[in-house]
């Protein structure tokens, strides 16, 4: 009788250890740092480049201040419905994920639209305030 109880105890302990082991299919934990900023989006997109080669994808031209040069942005902006021909001033949340382990092709920043502050129609270089 005692041997049967010991066998059951050892079996239950074994199952507990197996169930508590690491599971590689679990999602990685991600810590996040977020901040808000203003971005200006040009009225036209341009072809993205990857290692000098032009891709089929189109990229935004962005800047943080109206006096700065336009920079190519390879990032997307969640909840932002861009319309070609309009220049935007938008408020975005920039989330910087910190992964436990490096993940291939994981973004280093995630942009989410908070609010469209200005949307200006540009035709032939002329601004039309909406």
C-alpha atoms as a PDB file:
ATOM      1  CA  UNK A   1       0.000   0.000   0.000  1.00  0.00           C
ATOM      2  CA  UNK A   2       2.822   2.406   0.863  1.00  0.00           C
ATOM      3  CA  UNK A   3       4.616   1.627  -2.425  1.00  0.00           C
ATOM      4  CA  UNK A   4       1.441   2.459  -4.356  1.00  0.00           C
ATOM      5  CA  UNK A   5       1.143   5.845  -2.592  1.00  0.00           C
ATOM      6  CA  UNK A   6       4.815   6.613  -3.280  1.00  0.00           C
ATOM      7  CA  UNK A   7       4.360   5.698  -6.946  1.00  0.00           C
ATOM      8  CA  UNK A   8       1.319   7.977  -7.246  1.00  0.00           C
ATOM      9  CA  UNK A   9       3.199  10.812  -5.486  1.00  0.00           C
ATOM     10  CA  UNK A  10       6.226  10.464  -7.805  1.00  0.00           C
ATOM     11  CA  UNK A  11       3.943  10.375 -10.872  1.00  0.00           C
ATOM     12  CA  UNK A  12       2.095  13.539  -9.792  1.00  0.00           C
ATOM     13  CA  UNK A  13       5.369  15.353  -9.064  1.00  0.00           C
ATOM     14  CA  UNK A  14       6.728  14.348 -12.466  1.00  0.00           C
ATOM     15  CA  UNK A  15       3.624  15.688 -14.209  1.00  0.00           C
ATOM     16  CA  UNK A  16       3.911  18.927 -12.269  1.00  0.00           C
ATOM     17  CA  UNK A  17       7.546  19.434 -13.315  1.00  0.00           C
ATOM     18  CA  UNK A  18       6.757  18.669 -16.961  1.00  0.00           C
ATOM     19  CA  UNK A  19       3.793  21.075 -16.925  1.00  0.00           C
ATOM     20  CA  UNK A  20       5.873  23.850 -15.364  1.00  0.00           C
ATOM     21  CA  UNK A  21       8.726  23.580 -17.884  1.00  0.00           C
ATOM     22  CA  UNK A  22       9.414  26.337 -20.401  1.00  0.00           C
ATOM     23  CA  UNK A  23       7.221  26.342 -23.461  1.00  0.00           C
ATOM     24  CA  UNK A  24       8.927  27.727 -26.565  1.00  0.00           C
ATOM     25  CA  UNK A  25       5.568  28.403 -28.244  1.00  0.00           C
ATOM     26  CA  UNK A  26       4.577  30.988 -25.616  1.00  0.00           C
ATOM     27  CA  UNK A  27       4.615  34.621 -26.711  1.00  0.00           C
ATOM     28  CA  UNK A  28       7.635  36.642 -25.695  1.00  0.00           C
ATOM     29  CA  UNK A  29       7.125  39.253 -23.052  1.00  0.00           C
ATOM     30  CA  UNK A  30       7.654  42.769 -24.318  1.00  0.00           C
ATOM     31  CA  UNK A  31       8.277  45.835 -22.219  1.00  0.00           C
ATOM     32  CA  UNK A  32       7.213  49.072 -23.837  1.00  0.00           C
ATOM     33  CA  UNK A  33       8.305  52.660 -23.715  1.00  0.00           C
ATOM     34  CA  UNK A  34       5.937  55.128 -25.361  1.00  0.00           C
ATOM     35  CA  UNK A  35       5.984  58.829 -26.092  1.00  0.00           C
ATOM     36  CA  UNK A  36       3.945  61.287 -28.125  1.00  0.00           C
ATOM     37  CA  UNK A  37       5.299  63.499 -30.887  1.00  0.00           C
ATOM     38  CA  UNK A  38       4.213  65.624 -33.839  1.00  0.00           C
ATOM     39  CA  UNK A  39       4.999  64.429 -37.367  1.00  0.00           C
ATOM     40  CA  UNK A  40       4.621  66.178 -40.697  1.00  0.00           C
ATOM     41  CA  UNK A  41       3.771  63.912 -43.656  1.00  0.00           C
ATOM     42  CA  UNK A  42       4.473  65.070 -47.220  1.00  0.00           C
ATOM     43  CA  UNK A  43       1.706  65.112 -49.828  1.00  0.00           C
ATOM     44  CA  UNK A  44       3.392  62.444 -51.922  1.00  0.00           C
ATOM     45  CA  UNK A  45       4.998  59.123 -51.121  1.00  0.00           C
ATOM     46  CA  UNK A  46       8.160  57.851 -52.767  1.00  0.00           C
ATOM     47  CA  UNK A  47       9.444  54.378 -53.642  1.00  0.00           C
ATOM     48  CA  UNK A  48      11.108  52.653 -50.691  1.00  0.00           C
ATOM     49  CA  UNK A  49      14.690  51.461 -51.060  1.00  0.00           C
ATOM     50  CA  UNK A  50      16.228  48.352 -49.572  1.00  0.00           C
ATOM     51  CA  UNK A  51      19.997  48.268 -49.850  1.00  0.00           C
ATOM     52  CA  UNK A  52      19.848  50.725 -52.747  1.00  0.00           C
ATOM     53  CA  UNK A  53      17.255  48.699 -54.681  1.00  0.00           C
ATOM     54  CA  UNK A  54      13.821  50.219 -55.220  1.00  0.00           C
ATOM     55  CA  UNK A  55      10.929  48.178 -53.820  1.00  0.00           C
ATOM     56  CA  UNK A  56       7.286  48.056 -54.865  1.00  0.00           C
ATOM     57  CA  UNK A  57       6.322  49.522 -51.493  1.00  0.00           C
ATOM     58  CA  UNK A  58       5.790  53.279 -51.143  1.00  0.00           C
ATOM     59  CA  UNK A  59       7.247  55.202 -48.178  1.00  0.00           C
ATOM     60  CA  UNK A  60       6.120  58.336 -46.390  1.00  0.00           C
ATOM     61  CA  UNK A  61       8.293  61.426 -46.346  1.00  0.00           C
ATOM     62  CA  UNK A  62       8.265  62.737 -42.790  1.00  0.00           C
ATOM     63  CA  UNK A  63       9.838  65.406 -40.637  1.00  0.00           C
ATOM     64  CA  UNK A  64       9.489  66.553 -37.057  1.00  0.00           C
ATOM     65  CA  UNK A  65       9.576  70.280 -37.827  1.00  0.00           C
ATOM     66  CA  UNK A  66       8.470  72.299 -40.897  1.00  0.00           C
ATOM     67  CA  UNK A  67      11.993  73.724 -41.283  1.00  0.00           C
ATOM     68  CA  UNK A  68      13.634  70.276 -41.550  1.00  0.00           C
ATOM     69  CA  UNK A  69      14.329  68.284 -44.724  1.00  0.00           C
ATOM     70  CA  UNK A  70      11.950  65.465 -45.636  1.00  0.00           C
ATOM     71  CA  UNK A  71      13.190  62.027 -44.532  1.00  0.00           C
ATOM     72  CA  UNK A  72      12.109  58.653 -45.879  1.00  0.00           C
ATOM     73  CA  UNK A  73      10.072  56.707 -43.329  1.00  0.00           C
ATOM     74  CA  UNK A  74       9.845  52.943 -43.777  1.00  0.00           C
ATOM     75  CA  UNK A  75       7.404  52.669 -40.858  1.00  0.00           C
ATOM     76  CA  UNK A  76       3.630  52.444 -41.050  1.00  0.00           C
ATOM     77  CA  UNK A  77       1.320  54.493 -38.850  1.00  0.00           C
ATOM     78  CA  UNK A  78      -1.492  52.466 -37.311  1.00  0.00           C
ATOM     79  CA  UNK A  79      -5.004  53.943 -37.731  1.00  0.00           C
ATOM     80  CA  UNK A  80      -3.725  56.553 -40.231  1.00  0.00           C
ATOM     81  CA  UNK A  81      -5.521  56.624 -43.601  1.00  0.00           C
ATOM     82  CA  UNK A  82      -3.112  58.540 -45.808  1.00  0.00           C
ATOM     83  CA  UNK A  83      -4.455  60.294 -48.930  1.00  0.00           C
ATOM     84  CA  UNK A  84      -1.989  61.259 -51.656  1.00  0.00           C
ATOM     85  CA  UNK A  85      -2.094  64.999 -52.390  1.00  0.00           C
ATOM     86  CA  UNK A  86      -2.561  66.090 -48.772  1.00  0.00           C
ATOM     87  CA  UNK A  87       0.133  67.305 -46.403  1.00  0.00           C
ATOM     88  CA  UNK A  88      -0.488  66.309 -42.805  1.00  0.00           C
ATOM     89  CA  UNK A  89       0.478  67.453 -39.356  1.00  0.00           C
ATOM     90  CA  UNK A  90      -0.334  64.584 -37.014  1.00  0.00           C
ATOM     91  CA  UNK A  91       0.121  63.653 -33.397  1.00  0.00           C
ATOM     92  CA  UNK A  92       1.367  60.087 -32.930  1.00  0.00           C
ATOM     93  CA  UNK A  93       2.289  57.757 -30.140  1.00  0.00           C
ATOM     94  CA  UNK A  94       5.682  56.090 -30.690  1.00  0.00           C
ATOM     95  CA  UNK A  95       5.993  52.767 -28.934  1.00  0.00           C
ATOM     96  CA  UNK A  96       9.496  51.360 -28.555  1.00  0.00           C
ATOM     97  CA  UNK A  97       9.205  47.652 -27.758  1.00  0.00           C
ATOM     98  CA  UNK A  98      11.966  45.976 -25.744  1.00  0.00           C
ATOM     99  CA  UNK A  99      12.013  42.256 -26.561  1.00  0.00           C
ATOM    100  CA  UNK A 100      13.364  39.557 -24.222  1.00  0.00           C
ATOM    101  CA  UNK A 101      15.174  38.057 -27.211  1.00  0.00           C
ATOM    102  CA  UNK A 102      15.778  39.530 -30.674  1.00  0.00           C
ATOM    103  CA  UNK A 103      12.975  38.784 -33.137  1.00  0.00           C
ATOM    104  CA  UNK A 104      13.679  38.744 -36.864  1.00  0.00           C
ATOM    105  CA  UNK A 105      11.960  41.603 -38.732  1.00  0.00           C
ATOM    106  CA  UNK A 106      10.443  43.001 -35.528  1.00  0.00           C
ATOM    107  CA  UNK A 107       9.919  46.775 -35.662  1.00  0.00           C
ATOM    108  CA  UNK A 108      12.075  48.959 -33.461  1.00  0.00           C
ATOM    109  CA  UNK A 109       9.268  51.551 -33.287  1.00  0.00           C
ATOM    110  CA  UNK A 110       5.499  51.301 -33.626  1.00  0.00           C
ATOM    111  CA  UNK A 111       3.628  54.476 -34.622  1.00  0.00           C
ATOM    112  CA  UNK A 112      -0.063  54.918 -33.786  1.00  0.00           C
ATOM    113  CA  UNK A 113      -2.126  57.930 -34.838  1.00  0.00           C
ATOM    114  CA  UNK A 114      -3.566  59.936 -31.961  1.00  0.00           C
ATOM    115  CA  UNK A 115      -5.019  62.835 -33.946  1.00  0.00           C
ATOM    116  CA  UNK A 116      -4.802  64.602 -37.310  1.00  0.00           C
ATOM    117  CA  UNK A 117      -3.978  68.204 -36.376  1.00  0.00           C
ATOM    118  CA  UNK A 118      -3.875  69.629 -39.920  1.00  0.00           C
ATOM    119  CA  UNK A 119      -4.723  68.289 -43.379  1.00  0.00           C
ATOM    120  CA  UNK A 120      -3.782  70.590 -46.262  1.00  0.00           C
ATOM    121  CA  UNK A 121      -4.569  69.960 -49.928  1.00  0.00           C
ATOM    122  CA  UNK A 122      -1.523  70.557 -52.166  1.00  0.00           C
ATOM    123  CA  UNK A 123      -2.092  70.957 -55.934  1.00  0.00           C
ATOM    124  CA  UNK A 124       0.728  71.995 -58.247  1.00  0.00           C
ATOM    125  CA  UNK A 125       2.718  73.263 -55.277  1.00  0.00           C
ATOM    126  CA  UNK A 126      -0.147  75.464 -54.037  1.00  0.00           C
ATOM    127  CA  UNK A 127      -1.563  74.937 -50.534  1.00  0.00           C
ATOM    128  CA  UNK A 128      -5.321  74.920 -49.980  1.00  0.00           C
ATOM    129  CA  UNK A 129      -6.301  74.988 -46.300  1.00  0.00           C
ATOM    130  CA  UNK A 130      -9.292  72.747 -45.498  1.00  0.00           C
END
